[in-house]
Amino acid sequence: MADGYVATGIVVTLTGVGDALVADLQDINIGGDTADQVDTTHQLSPNKRREFLSGLIDGGEVTLTLLFDSDKTIPEAGTNGTTLTVMFPSGMTNKYSATVNVQHVGSVNGTLGDKMVQDVTVKVTGLANWSAS
């Protein structure tokens, strides 16, 4: 039997601007790091092949789908220096934290007879941290 985790019990907070937002989380997508590839090809590169070195690393984005609650304040798009903390269930490396900038606050979506949700995308700035809580 394969070991794995079921996505339940995840808690997300955004702090650093006004009151902390403790979100009612529906879904989360933590993007990965991407390293720029700097072309270092030169006239004597072997076998007529391009050569590359890894450059600066982009920490990616985190997209949250939140259950809409008009009593909760979501930081506005363009807000810088917010701290995102994601607490996963116990039994795994269960804390992700990063300084983020609020990149996108989506519209509220409400389908007749279904829950109302809102997407928020934040951009990781600097190094994110995975740790035990």
N, C-alpha and C. Protein backbone atom coordinates (compact mmCIF):
# COMPACT_ATOMS: atom_id res chain seq x y z
N MET A 1 0.84 -1.17 0.00
CA MET A 1 0.00 0.00 0.00
C MET A 1 0.89 1.24 0.00
N ALA A 2 0.56 2.19 -0.82
CA ALA A 2 1.36 3.41 -0.93
C ALA A 2 1.07 4.35 0.23
N ASP A 3 2.13 4.97 0.71
CA ASP A 3 1.96 6.00 1.73
C ASP A 3 1.53 7.28 1.04
N GLY A 4 0.72 8.07 1.69
CA GLY A 4 0.28 9.33 1.11
C GLY A 4 -0.53 10.11 2.12
N TYR A 5 -1.02 11.24 1.70
CA TYR A 5 -1.78 12.10 2.58
C TYR A 5 -3.05 12.55 1.87
N VAL A 6 -4.09 12.71 2.64
CA VAL A 6 -5.34 13.25 2.13
C VAL A 6 -5.36 14.73 2.49
N ALA A 7 -5.74 15.57 1.55
CA ALA A 7 -5.72 17.02 1.75
C ALA A 7 -6.90 17.46 2.61
N THR A 8 -6.73 17.30 3.91
CA THR A 8 -7.71 17.82 4.87
C THR A 8 -6.95 18.41 6.04
N GLY A 9 -7.56 19.35 6.72
CA GLY A 9 -6.96 19.93 7.91
C GLY A 9 -5.89 20.97 7.65
N ILE A 10 -5.78 21.48 6.42
CA ILE A 10 -4.78 22.49 6.09
C ILE A 10 -5.30 23.86 6.52
N VAL A 11 -4.46 24.62 7.23
CA VAL A 11 -4.84 25.95 7.70
C VAL A 11 -3.88 26.98 7.10
N VAL A 12 -4.43 28.06 6.57
CA VAL A 12 -3.64 29.11 5.93
C VAL A 12 -3.85 30.43 6.65
N THR A 13 -2.74 31.15 6.90
CA THR A 13 -2.85 32.51 7.45
C THR A 13 -2.00 33.46 6.62
N LEU A 14 -2.48 34.68 6.48
CA LEU A 14 -1.73 35.78 5.87
C LEU A 14 -1.61 36.85 6.94
N THR A 15 -0.39 37.23 7.30
CA THR A 15 -0.19 38.23 8.34
C THR A 15 0.73 39.32 7.85
N GLY A 16 0.75 40.42 8.58
CA GLY A 16 1.68 41.50 8.27
C GLY A 16 1.01 42.74 7.75
N VAL A 17 -0.27 42.67 7.45
CA VAL A 17 -1.02 43.85 7.00
C VAL A 17 -2.36 43.85 7.72
N GLY A 18 -2.50 44.73 8.67
CA GLY A 18 -3.76 44.78 9.41
C GLY A 18 -3.97 43.50 10.20
N ASP A 19 -5.22 43.08 10.32
CA ASP A 19 -5.54 41.85 11.04
C ASP A 19 -5.11 40.65 10.21
N ALA A 20 -4.69 39.60 10.90
CA ALA A 20 -4.31 38.37 10.20
C ALA A 20 -5.54 37.74 9.59
N LEU A 21 -5.39 37.22 8.40
CA LEU A 21 -6.46 36.49 7.74
C LEU A 21 -6.23 35.02 8.02
N VAL A 22 -7.18 34.39 8.68
CA VAL A 22 -7.17 32.94 8.83
C VAL A 22 -8.23 32.46 7.87
N ALA A 23 -7.78 31.90 6.76
CA ALA A 23 -8.68 31.62 5.65
C ALA A 23 -9.39 30.29 5.81
N ASP A 24 -10.63 30.24 5.32
CA ASP A 24 -11.36 28.99 5.17
C ASP A 24 -10.97 28.45 3.81
N LEU A 25 -10.00 27.56 3.82
CA LEU A 25 -9.34 27.11 2.60
C LEU A 25 -10.12 25.99 1.93
N GLN A 26 -10.34 26.14 0.63
CA GLN A 26 -10.92 25.07 -0.18
C GLN A 26 -9.80 24.29 -0.87
N ASP A 27 -8.94 24.99 -1.60
CA ASP A 27 -7.85 24.36 -2.35
C ASP A 27 -6.58 25.22 -2.23
N ILE A 28 -5.43 24.57 -2.41
CA ILE A 28 -4.16 25.27 -2.40
C ILE A 28 -3.24 24.65 -3.44
N ASN A 29 -2.45 25.49 -4.09
CA ASN A 29 -1.45 25.03 -5.05
C ASN A 29 -0.17 25.82 -4.77
N ILE A 30 0.83 25.14 -4.21
CA ILE A 30 2.11 25.77 -3.94
C ILE A 30 3.02 25.45 -5.11
N GLY A 31 3.31 26.46 -5.93
CA GLY A 31 4.18 26.26 -7.09
C GLY A 31 5.60 26.02 -6.64
N GLY A 32 6.40 25.49 -7.51
CA GLY A 32 7.78 25.18 -7.17
C GLY A 32 8.73 26.28 -7.60
N ASP A 33 9.99 26.10 -7.25
CA ASP A 33 11.05 27.02 -7.64
C ASP A 33 11.42 26.81 -9.11
N THR A 34 11.83 27.89 -9.75
CA THR A 34 12.31 27.84 -11.12
C THR A 34 13.61 28.63 -11.20
N ALA A 35 14.65 28.01 -11.75
CA ALA A 35 15.94 28.69 -11.91
C ALA A 35 16.06 29.19 -13.35
N ASP A 36 16.43 30.47 -13.49
CA ASP A 36 16.74 31.00 -14.81
C ASP A 36 17.91 30.21 -15.39
N GLN A 37 17.92 30.05 -16.69
CA GLN A 37 19.03 29.39 -17.36
C GLN A 37 19.77 30.43 -18.20
N VAL A 38 21.01 30.72 -17.82
CA VAL A 38 21.83 31.73 -18.46
C VAL A 38 22.66 31.06 -19.55
N ASP A 39 22.48 31.53 -20.77
CA ASP A 39 23.18 30.96 -21.91
C ASP A 39 24.65 31.38 -21.87
N THR A 40 25.54 30.41 -21.75
CA THR A 40 26.98 30.68 -21.71
C THR A 40 27.69 30.10 -22.94
N THR A 41 26.93 29.87 -23.99
CA THR A 41 27.49 29.32 -25.22
C THR A 41 28.56 30.26 -25.78
N HIS A 42 29.62 29.68 -26.30
CA HIS A 42 30.70 30.48 -26.88
C HIS A 42 31.19 29.81 -28.16
N GLN A 43 32.12 30.42 -28.83
CA GLN A 43 32.59 29.95 -30.13
C GLN A 43 33.17 28.53 -30.08
N LEU A 44 33.72 28.15 -28.95
CA LEU A 44 34.33 26.82 -28.85
C LEU A 44 33.50 25.84 -28.01
N SER A 45 32.20 26.12 -27.86
CA SER A 45 31.34 25.18 -27.12
C SER A 45 31.38 23.82 -27.80
N PRO A 46 31.58 22.75 -27.03
CA PRO A 46 31.76 21.42 -27.62
C PRO A 46 30.52 20.94 -28.40
N ASN A 47 30.79 20.28 -29.51
CA ASN A 47 29.76 19.62 -30.31
C ASN A 47 28.66 20.54 -30.82
N LYS A 48 28.98 21.82 -30.98
CA LYS A 48 27.99 22.80 -31.45
C LYS A 48 26.73 22.78 -30.59
N ARG A 49 26.93 22.64 -29.29
CA ARG A 49 25.81 22.58 -28.33
C ARG A 49 25.82 23.81 -27.43
N ARG A 50 24.64 24.29 -27.14
CA ARG A 50 24.53 25.40 -26.20
C ARG A 50 24.91 24.93 -24.80
N GLU A 51 25.45 25.86 -24.02
CA GLU A 51 25.81 25.59 -22.63
C GLU A 51 25.08 26.58 -21.73
N PHE A 52 24.71 26.13 -20.56
CA PHE A 52 23.93 26.97 -19.64
C PHE A 52 24.44 26.83 -18.22
N LEU A 53 24.25 27.90 -17.46
CA LEU A 53 24.44 27.90 -16.01
C LEU A 53 23.13 28.32 -15.37
N SER A 54 22.85 27.76 -14.21
CA SER A 54 21.66 28.19 -13.48
C SER A 54 21.88 29.58 -12.93
N GLY A 55 20.87 30.42 -13.06
CA GLY A 55 20.96 31.80 -12.58
C GLY A 55 20.08 32.00 -11.35
N LEU A 56 19.38 33.12 -11.32
CA LEU A 56 18.53 33.46 -10.19
C LEU A 56 17.34 32.51 -10.08
N ILE A 57 16.89 32.28 -8.87
CA ILE A 57 15.79 31.35 -8.62
C ILE A 57 14.53 32.14 -8.28
N ASP A 58 13.45 31.79 -8.95
CA ASP A 58 12.13 32.38 -8.72
C ASP A 58 11.35 31.43 -7.82
N GLY A 59 10.86 31.93 -6.69
CA GLY A 59 10.15 31.10 -5.72
C GLY A 59 8.75 30.69 -6.10
N GLY A 60 8.25 31.18 -7.23
CA GLY A 60 6.95 30.74 -7.70
C GLY A 60 5.78 31.47 -7.05
N GLU A 61 4.63 30.89 -7.21
CA GLU A 61 3.38 31.46 -6.72
C GLU A 61 2.64 30.43 -5.88
N VAL A 62 1.76 30.93 -5.04
CA VAL A 62 0.84 30.08 -4.29
C VAL A 62 -0.57 30.58 -4.60
N THR A 63 -1.42 29.68 -5.04
CA THR A 63 -2.81 30.03 -5.33
C THR A 63 -3.69 29.39 -4.28
N LEU A 64 -4.54 30.22 -3.69
CA LEU A 64 -5.48 29.77 -2.66
C LEU A 64 -6.90 29.93 -3.20
N THR A 65 -7.72 28.92 -3.03
CA THR A 65 -9.14 29.06 -3.29
C THR A 65 -9.81 29.07 -1.92
N LEU A 66 -10.40 30.22 -1.58
CA LEU A 66 -10.97 30.43 -0.26
C LEU A 66 -12.48 30.42 -0.32
N LEU A 67 -13.11 29.89 0.71
CA LEU A 67 -14.55 30.03 0.83
C LEU A 67 -14.83 31.50 1.13
N PHE A 68 -15.71 32.11 0.36
CA PHE A 68 -15.97 33.53 0.50
C PHE A 68 -16.65 33.81 1.84
N ASP A 69 -16.14 34.81 2.54
CA ASP A 69 -16.70 35.25 3.81
C ASP A 69 -16.55 36.77 3.84
N SER A 70 -17.66 37.48 3.74
CA SER A 70 -17.60 38.95 3.67
C SER A 70 -17.09 39.57 4.97
N ASP A 71 -17.03 38.80 6.06
CA ASP A 71 -16.52 39.31 7.33
C ASP A 71 -14.99 39.23 7.42
N LYS A 72 -14.36 38.57 6.46
CA LYS A 72 -12.91 38.44 6.48
C LYS A 72 -12.31 39.39 5.46
N THR A 73 -11.21 40.02 5.85
CA THR A 73 -10.54 40.98 4.98
C THR A 73 -9.36 40.31 4.31
N ILE A 74 -9.37 40.32 3.00
CA ILE A 74 -8.25 39.78 2.23
C ILE A 74 -7.38 40.96 1.82
N PRO A 75 -6.05 40.86 2.01
CA PRO A 75 -5.19 41.97 1.56
C PRO A 75 -5.40 42.26 0.08
N GLU A 76 -5.29 43.52 -0.29
CA GLU A 76 -5.49 43.93 -1.67
C GLU A 76 -4.33 43.50 -2.55
N ALA A 77 -4.61 43.32 -3.85
CA ALA A 77 -3.54 43.06 -4.82
C ALA A 77 -2.56 44.22 -4.75
N GLY A 78 -1.29 43.91 -4.81
CA GLY A 78 -0.25 44.93 -4.72
C GLY A 78 0.31 45.09 -3.32
N THR A 79 -0.28 44.39 -2.34
CA THR A 79 0.23 44.44 -0.97
C THR A 79 1.54 43.66 -0.90
N ASN A 80 2.58 44.31 -0.38
CA ASN A 80 3.90 43.70 -0.28
C ASN A 80 4.22 43.29 1.14
N GLY A 81 5.10 42.29 1.28
CA GLY A 81 5.66 41.94 2.58
C GLY A 81 4.73 41.23 3.52
N THR A 82 3.77 40.51 2.99
CA THR A 82 2.86 39.72 3.81
C THR A 82 3.51 38.37 4.10
N THR A 83 3.23 37.79 5.24
CA THR A 83 3.74 36.46 5.56
C THR A 83 2.64 35.44 5.35
N LEU A 84 2.92 34.46 4.52
CA LEU A 84 2.00 33.34 4.29
C LEU A 84 2.48 32.17 5.11
N THR A 85 1.59 31.59 5.90
CA THR A 85 1.91 30.38 6.65
C THR A 85 0.86 29.33 6.31
N VAL A 86 1.33 28.15 5.97
CA VAL A 86 0.45 27.02 5.66
C VAL A 86 0.80 25.90 6.62
N MET A 87 -0.17 25.49 7.40
CA MET A 87 0.02 24.39 8.36
C MET A 87 -0.68 23.16 7.79
N PHE A 88 0.09 22.10 7.56
CA PHE A 88 -0.45 20.85 7.07
C PHE A 88 -0.72 19.93 8.25
N PRO A 89 -1.49 18.85 8.03
CA PRO A 89 -1.75 17.90 9.12
C PRO A 89 -0.45 17.33 9.68
N SER A 90 -0.50 16.84 10.92
CA SER A 90 0.69 16.27 11.54
C SER A 90 1.08 14.98 10.83
N GLY A 91 2.31 14.55 11.05
CA GLY A 91 2.80 13.34 10.45
C GLY A 91 3.66 13.59 9.22
N MET A 92 3.85 14.85 8.87
CA MET A 92 4.67 15.19 7.72
C MET A 92 5.40 16.49 8.04
N THR A 93 6.36 16.88 7.21
CA THR A 93 6.95 18.21 7.36
C THR A 93 5.80 19.15 7.13
N ASN A 94 5.31 19.76 8.18
CA ASN A 94 3.97 20.30 8.09
C ASN A 94 3.83 21.81 8.18
N LYS A 95 4.88 22.56 7.95
CA LYS A 95 4.74 24.01 7.96
C LYS A 95 5.49 24.61 6.77
N TYR A 96 4.78 25.43 6.01
CA TYR A 96 5.37 26.16 4.90
C TYR A 96 5.17 27.63 5.21
N SER A 97 6.24 28.42 5.13
CA SER A 97 6.08 29.85 5.36
C SER A 97 6.97 30.61 4.38
N ALA A 98 6.48 31.78 3.98
CA ALA A 98 7.22 32.60 3.03
C ALA A 98 6.73 34.03 3.11
N THR A 99 7.63 34.95 2.79
CA THR A 99 7.22 36.34 2.58
C THR A 99 6.66 36.40 1.17
N VAL A 100 5.50 37.01 1.05
CA VAL A 100 4.82 37.04 -0.25
C VAL A 100 4.28 38.43 -0.55
N ASN A 101 4.06 38.68 -1.83
CA ASN A 101 3.35 39.87 -2.29
C ASN A 101 2.03 39.39 -2.86
N VAL A 102 0.95 40.09 -2.54
CA VAL A 102 -0.36 39.70 -3.07
C VAL A 102 -0.41 40.12 -4.53
N GLN A 103 -0.46 39.14 -5.40
CA GLN A 103 -0.39 39.37 -6.84
C GLN A 103 -1.77 39.53 -7.46
N HIS A 104 -2.72 38.70 -7.03
CA HIS A 104 -4.04 38.70 -7.67
C HIS A 104 -5.11 38.34 -6.64
N VAL A 105 -6.15 39.14 -6.59
CA VAL A 105 -7.34 38.82 -5.79
C VAL A 105 -8.48 38.67 -6.79
N GLY A 106 -8.95 37.45 -6.94
CA GLY A 106 -9.96 37.15 -7.95
C GLY A 106 -11.34 37.61 -7.55
N SER A 107 -12.23 37.53 -8.50
CA SER A 107 -13.62 37.87 -8.25
C SER A 107 -14.26 36.76 -7.41
N VAL A 108 -15.38 37.07 -6.81
CA VAL A 108 -16.13 36.09 -6.03
C VAL A 108 -16.99 35.30 -7.01
N ASN A 109 -16.88 33.98 -6.94
CA ASN A 109 -17.65 33.11 -7.82
C ASN A 109 -18.71 32.38 -7.01
N GLY A 110 -19.93 32.50 -7.42
CA GLY A 110 -21.02 31.82 -6.74
C GLY A 110 -21.99 31.23 -7.75
N THR A 111 -21.97 29.91 -7.88
CA THR A 111 -22.89 29.21 -8.76
C THR A 111 -24.16 28.90 -7.97
N LEU A 112 -25.30 29.06 -8.58
CA LEU A 112 -26.58 28.82 -7.93
C LEU A 112 -26.56 27.49 -7.18
N GLY A 113 -26.85 27.56 -5.90
CA GLY A 113 -26.93 26.36 -5.07
C GLY A 113 -25.59 25.79 -4.64
N ASP A 114 -24.49 26.48 -4.93
CA ASP A 114 -23.17 25.97 -4.58
C ASP A 114 -22.47 26.98 -3.67
N LYS A 115 -21.34 26.60 -3.15
CA LYS A 115 -20.56 27.49 -2.28
C LYS A 115 -20.01 28.66 -3.08
N MET A 116 -19.71 29.76 -2.38
CA MET A 116 -19.08 30.92 -2.99
C MET A 116 -17.59 30.86 -2.67
N VAL A 117 -16.75 31.07 -3.69
CA VAL A 117 -15.30 31.00 -3.51
C VAL A 117 -14.63 32.21 -4.14
N GLN A 118 -13.39 32.43 -3.72
CA GLN A 118 -12.57 33.51 -4.26
C GLN A 118 -11.13 33.02 -4.31
N ASP A 119 -10.47 33.24 -5.46
CA ASP A 119 -9.07 32.86 -5.61
C ASP A 119 -8.17 34.03 -5.25
N VAL A 120 -7.08 33.71 -4.56
CA VAL A 120 -6.05 34.69 -4.22
C VAL A 120 -4.71 34.08 -4.61
N THR A 121 -3.91 34.83 -5.37
CA THR A 121 -2.59 34.35 -5.77
C THR A 121 -1.55 35.28 -5.16
N VAL A 122 -0.56 34.66 -4.51
CA VAL A 122 0.54 35.42 -3.92
C VAL A 122 1.85 34.98 -4.57
N LYS A 123 2.78 35.91 -4.67
CA LYS A 123 4.09 35.67 -5.28
C LYS A 123 5.13 35.57 -4.17
N VAL A 124 5.86 34.46 -4.14
CA VAL A 124 6.90 34.26 -3.13
C VAL A 124 8.07 35.18 -3.45
N THR A 125 8.54 35.90 -2.43
CA THR A 125 9.70 36.76 -2.58
C THR A 125 10.76 36.29 -1.59
N GLY A 126 11.91 35.91 -2.10
CA GLY A 126 12.94 35.37 -1.23
C GLY A 126 12.79 33.86 -1.09
N LEU A 127 13.32 33.32 -0.03
CA LEU A 127 13.38 31.87 0.19
C LEU A 127 12.21 31.43 1.07
N ALA A 128 11.45 30.47 0.58
CA ALA A 128 10.37 29.88 1.38
C ALA A 128 10.98 28.85 2.33
N ASN A 129 10.27 28.53 3.39
CA ASN A 129 10.78 27.64 4.42
C ASN A 129 9.80 26.50 4.66
N TRP A 130 10.27 25.26 4.54
CA TRP A 130 9.52 24.07 4.94
C TRP A 130 10.11 23.58 6.25
N SER A 131 9.26 23.32 7.24
CA SER A 131 9.78 22.85 8.52
C SER A 131 8.72 22.10 9.29
N ALA A 132 9.13 21.49 10.38
CA ALA A 132 8.17 20.92 11.33
C ALA A 132 7.64 22.07 12.15
N SER A 133 6.40 21.98 12.57
CA SER A 133 5.81 23.11 13.33
C SER A 133 6.34 23.17 14.74
